[in-house]
Amino acid sequence: MRSLLAISVCALLLGISAAQAEKRIFIIANNADGYGVDRCLASGAACGKAAAASLCKARQFTQALSFRKVDRDEITGAVPTNGGQACRGGVCEEEFVAIECAR
């Protein structure tokens, strides 16, 4: 009886872990393109859903779970903070958006 219970619990745990979706967060530059997509993504507005979904699908993910503007200090070691075109005199013009995708 105990072995049947143990097998059932193991099968349940394996089923739960297999059902969890693979998730990944992509950080992209929030460049003004004249179409307003950048404002939709950065503000989290509903109009950004299509852009976020397209980015996820282009990277072989099935859906976009979330998208939001991220501060430069949230990105560790990937974005230069001085010397580049994005930052002049300690003021950084370029913004970034995080898009969370799932399979």
C-alpha atoms as a PDB file:
ATOM      1  CA  MET A   1       0.000   0.000   0.000  1.00  0.00           C
ATOM      2  CA  ARG A   2       2.811   2.407   0.861  1.00  0.00           C
ATOM      3  CA  SER A   3       4.600   1.694  -2.402  1.00  0.00           C
ATOM      4  CA  LEU A   4       1.422   2.442  -4.365  1.00  0.00           C
ATOM      5  CA  LEU A   5       1.072   5.752  -2.524  1.00  0.00           C
ATOM      6  CA  ALA A   6       4.745   6.606  -3.141  1.00  0.00           C
ATOM      7  CA  ILE A   7       4.404   5.810  -6.853  1.00  0.00           C
ATOM      8  CA  SER A   8       1.290   7.977  -7.077  1.00  0.00           C
ATOM      9  CA  VAL A   9       3.010  10.914  -5.385  1.00  0.00           C
ATOM     10  CA  CYS A  10       6.071  10.597  -7.673  1.00  0.00           C
ATOM     11  CA  ALA A  11       3.878  10.461 -10.758  1.00  0.00           C
ATOM     12  CA  LEU A  12       1.986  13.532  -9.598  1.00  0.00           C
ATOM     13  CA  LEU A  13       5.201  15.470  -8.936  1.00  0.00           C
ATOM     14  CA  LEU A  14       6.631  14.512 -12.313  1.00  0.00           C
ATOM     15  CA  GLY A  15       3.423  15.607 -14.019  1.00  0.00           C
ATOM     16  CA  ILE A  16       3.491  18.959 -12.261  1.00  0.00           C
ATOM     17  CA  SER A  17       7.117  19.694 -13.163  1.00  0.00           C
ATOM     18  CA  ALA A  18       6.556  18.691 -16.797  1.00  0.00           C
ATOM     19  CA  ALA A  19       3.535  20.981 -17.009  1.00  0.00           C
ATOM     20  CA  GLN A  20       5.472  24.068 -15.915  1.00  0.00           C
ATOM     21  CA  ALA A  21       6.198  26.359 -18.815  1.00  0.00           C
ATOM     22  CA  GLU A  22       9.665  27.467 -19.805  1.00  0.00           C
ATOM     23  CA  LYS A  23       9.944  31.224 -19.290  1.00  0.00           C
ATOM     24  CA  ARG A  24      12.517  33.744 -20.467  1.00  0.00           C
ATOM     25  CA  ILE A  25      12.801  37.509 -20.169  1.00  0.00           C
ATOM     26  CA  PHE A  26      14.136  39.491 -23.116  1.00  0.00           C
ATOM     27  CA  ILE A  27      15.484  43.003 -22.614  1.00  0.00           C
ATOM     28  CA  ILE A  28      15.164  45.180 -25.699  1.00  0.00           C
ATOM     29  CA  ALA A  29      15.942  48.810 -26.420  1.00  0.00           C
ATOM     30  CA  ASN A  30      12.880  51.011 -26.290  1.00  0.00           C
ATOM     31  CA  ASN A  31      13.687  53.047 -29.391  1.00  0.00           C
ATOM     32  CA  ALA A  32      11.222  55.615 -30.620  1.00  0.00           C
ATOM     33  CA  ASP A  33      10.214  54.394 -34.066  1.00  0.00           C
ATOM     34  CA  GLY A  34       7.442  56.818 -34.911  1.00  0.00           C
ATOM     35  CA  TYR A  35       4.735  54.141 -34.645  1.00  0.00           C
ATOM     36  CA  GLY A  36       4.143  54.458 -30.901  1.00  0.00           C
ATOM     37  CA  VAL A  37       5.008  50.820 -30.187  1.00  0.00           C
ATOM     38  CA  ASP A  38       7.728  51.949 -27.803  1.00  0.00           C
ATOM     39  CA  ARG A  39       5.237  53.893 -25.673  1.00  0.00           C
ATOM     40  CA  CYS A  40       2.835  50.933 -25.624  1.00  0.00           C
ATOM     41  CA  LEU A  41       5.525  48.528 -24.429  1.00  0.00           C
ATOM     42  CA  ALA A  42       7.102  50.876 -21.898  1.00  0.00           C
ATOM     43  CA  SER A  43       3.802  51.862 -20.324  1.00  0.00           C
ATOM     44  CA  GLY A  44       2.401  48.312 -20.271  1.00  0.00           C
ATOM     45  CA  ALA A  45      -0.639  49.506 -22.229  1.00  0.00           C
ATOM     46  CA  ALA A  46      -2.852  47.011 -24.040  1.00  0.00           C
ATOM     47  CA  CYS A  47      -1.537  48.236 -27.397  1.00  0.00           C
ATOM     48  CA  GLY A  48       1.836  46.652 -26.543  1.00  0.00           C
ATOM     49  CA  LYS A  49       0.396  43.117 -26.378  1.00  0.00           C
ATOM     50  CA  ALA A  50       0.733  42.544 -30.128  1.00  0.00           C
ATOM     51  CA  ALA A  51       4.333  43.774 -30.193  1.00  0.00           C
ATOM     52  CA  ALA A  52       5.287  41.648 -27.189  1.00  0.00           C
ATOM     53  CA  ALA A  53       3.550  38.589 -28.654  1.00  0.00           C
ATOM     54  CA  SER A  54       5.353  39.084 -31.976  1.00  0.00           C
ATOM     55  CA  LEU A  55       8.731  39.273 -30.278  1.00  0.00           C
ATOM     56  CA  CYS A  56       8.026  36.070 -28.346  1.00  0.00           C
ATOM     57  CA  LYS A  57       6.816  34.199 -31.427  1.00  0.00           C
ATOM     58  CA  ALA A  58       9.882  35.329 -33.390  1.00  0.00           C
ATOM     59  CA  ARG A  59      11.965  33.619 -30.709  1.00  0.00           C
ATOM     60  CA  GLN A  60       9.917  30.390 -30.814  1.00  0.00           C
ATOM     61  CA  PHE A  61       7.892  31.077 -27.659  1.00  0.00           C
ATOM     62  CA  THR A  62       4.128  30.664 -27.664  1.00  0.00           C
ATOM     63  CA  GLN A  63       3.030  33.706 -25.690  1.00  0.00           C
ATOM     64  CA  ALA A  64       4.030  36.929 -23.991  1.00  0.00           C
ATOM     65  CA  LEU A  65       3.273  36.806 -20.275  1.00  0.00           C
ATOM     66  CA  SER A  66       4.192  40.387 -19.441  1.00  0.00           C
ATOM     67  CA  PHE A  67       6.042  43.469 -20.653  1.00  0.00           C
ATOM     68  CA  ARG A  68       7.220  46.579 -18.860  1.00  0.00           C
ATOM     69  CA  LYS A  69       9.771  49.341 -18.851  1.00  0.00           C
ATOM     70  CA  VAL A  70      12.924  48.510 -16.904  1.00  0.00           C
ATOM     71  CA  ASP A  71      15.304  50.948 -15.288  1.00  0.00           C
ATOM     72  CA  ARG A  72      18.933  50.938 -16.354  1.00  0.00           C
ATOM     73  CA  ASP A  73      20.034  49.865 -12.856  1.00  0.00           C
ATOM     74  CA  GLU A  74      17.853  46.715 -13.086  1.00  0.00           C
ATOM     75  CA  ILE A  75      20.048  45.442 -15.934  1.00  0.00           C
ATOM     76  CA  THR A  76      23.321  44.157 -14.546  1.00  0.00           C
ATOM     77  CA  GLY A  77      26.474  44.514 -16.603  1.00  0.00           C
ATOM     78  CA  ALA A  78      24.817  44.534 -20.005  1.00  0.00           C
ATOM     79  CA  VAL A  79      24.235  48.201 -20.735  1.00  0.00           C
ATOM     80  CA  PRO A  80      26.990  50.841 -20.735  1.00  0.00           C
ATOM     81  CA  THR A  81      26.217  53.790 -18.514  1.00  0.00           C
ATOM     82  CA  ASN A  82      28.840  56.204 -19.832  1.00  0.00           C
ATOM     83  CA  GLY A  83      30.902  56.880 -22.908  1.00  0.00           C
ATOM     84  CA  GLY A  84      28.266  55.700 -25.365  1.00  0.00           C
ATOM     85  CA  GLN A  85      25.789  57.558 -27.487  1.00  0.00           C
ATOM     86  CA  ALA A  86      22.958  56.644 -25.145  1.00  0.00           C
ATOM     87  CA  CYS A  87      24.447  58.574 -22.204  1.00  0.00           C
ATOM     88  CA  ARG A  88      25.776  62.121 -22.245  1.00  0.00           C
ATOM     89  CA  GLY A  89      26.809  63.971 -19.122  1.00  0.00           C
ATOM     90  CA  GLY A  90      25.279  61.345 -16.863  1.00  0.00           C
ATOM     91  CA  VAL A  91      21.888  61.582 -18.604  1.00  0.00           C
ATOM     92  CA  CYS A  92      20.852  58.425 -20.443  1.00  0.00           C
ATOM     93  CA  GLU A  93      18.281  58.842 -23.164  1.00  0.00           C
ATOM     94  CA  GLU A  94      17.742  55.245 -24.178  1.00  0.00           C
ATOM     95  CA  GLU A  95      15.165  53.202 -22.282  1.00  0.00           C
ATOM     96  CA  PHE A  96      14.659  49.462 -22.151  1.00  0.00           C
ATOM     97  CA  VAL A  97      11.686  47.116 -22.046  1.00  0.00           C
ATOM     98  CA  ALA A  98      11.527  43.643 -20.489  1.00  0.00           C
ATOM     99  CA  ILE A  99       9.278  41.119 -22.223  1.00  0.00           C
ATOM    100  CA  GLU A 100       8.588  37.816 -20.476  1.00  0.00           C
ATOM    101  CA  CYS A 101       7.855  34.949 -22.875  1.00  0.00           C
ATOM    102  CA  ALA A 102       6.692  31.381 -22.222  1.00  0.00           C
ATOM    103  CA  ARG A 103       6.600  28.094 -24.131  1.00  0.00           C
END
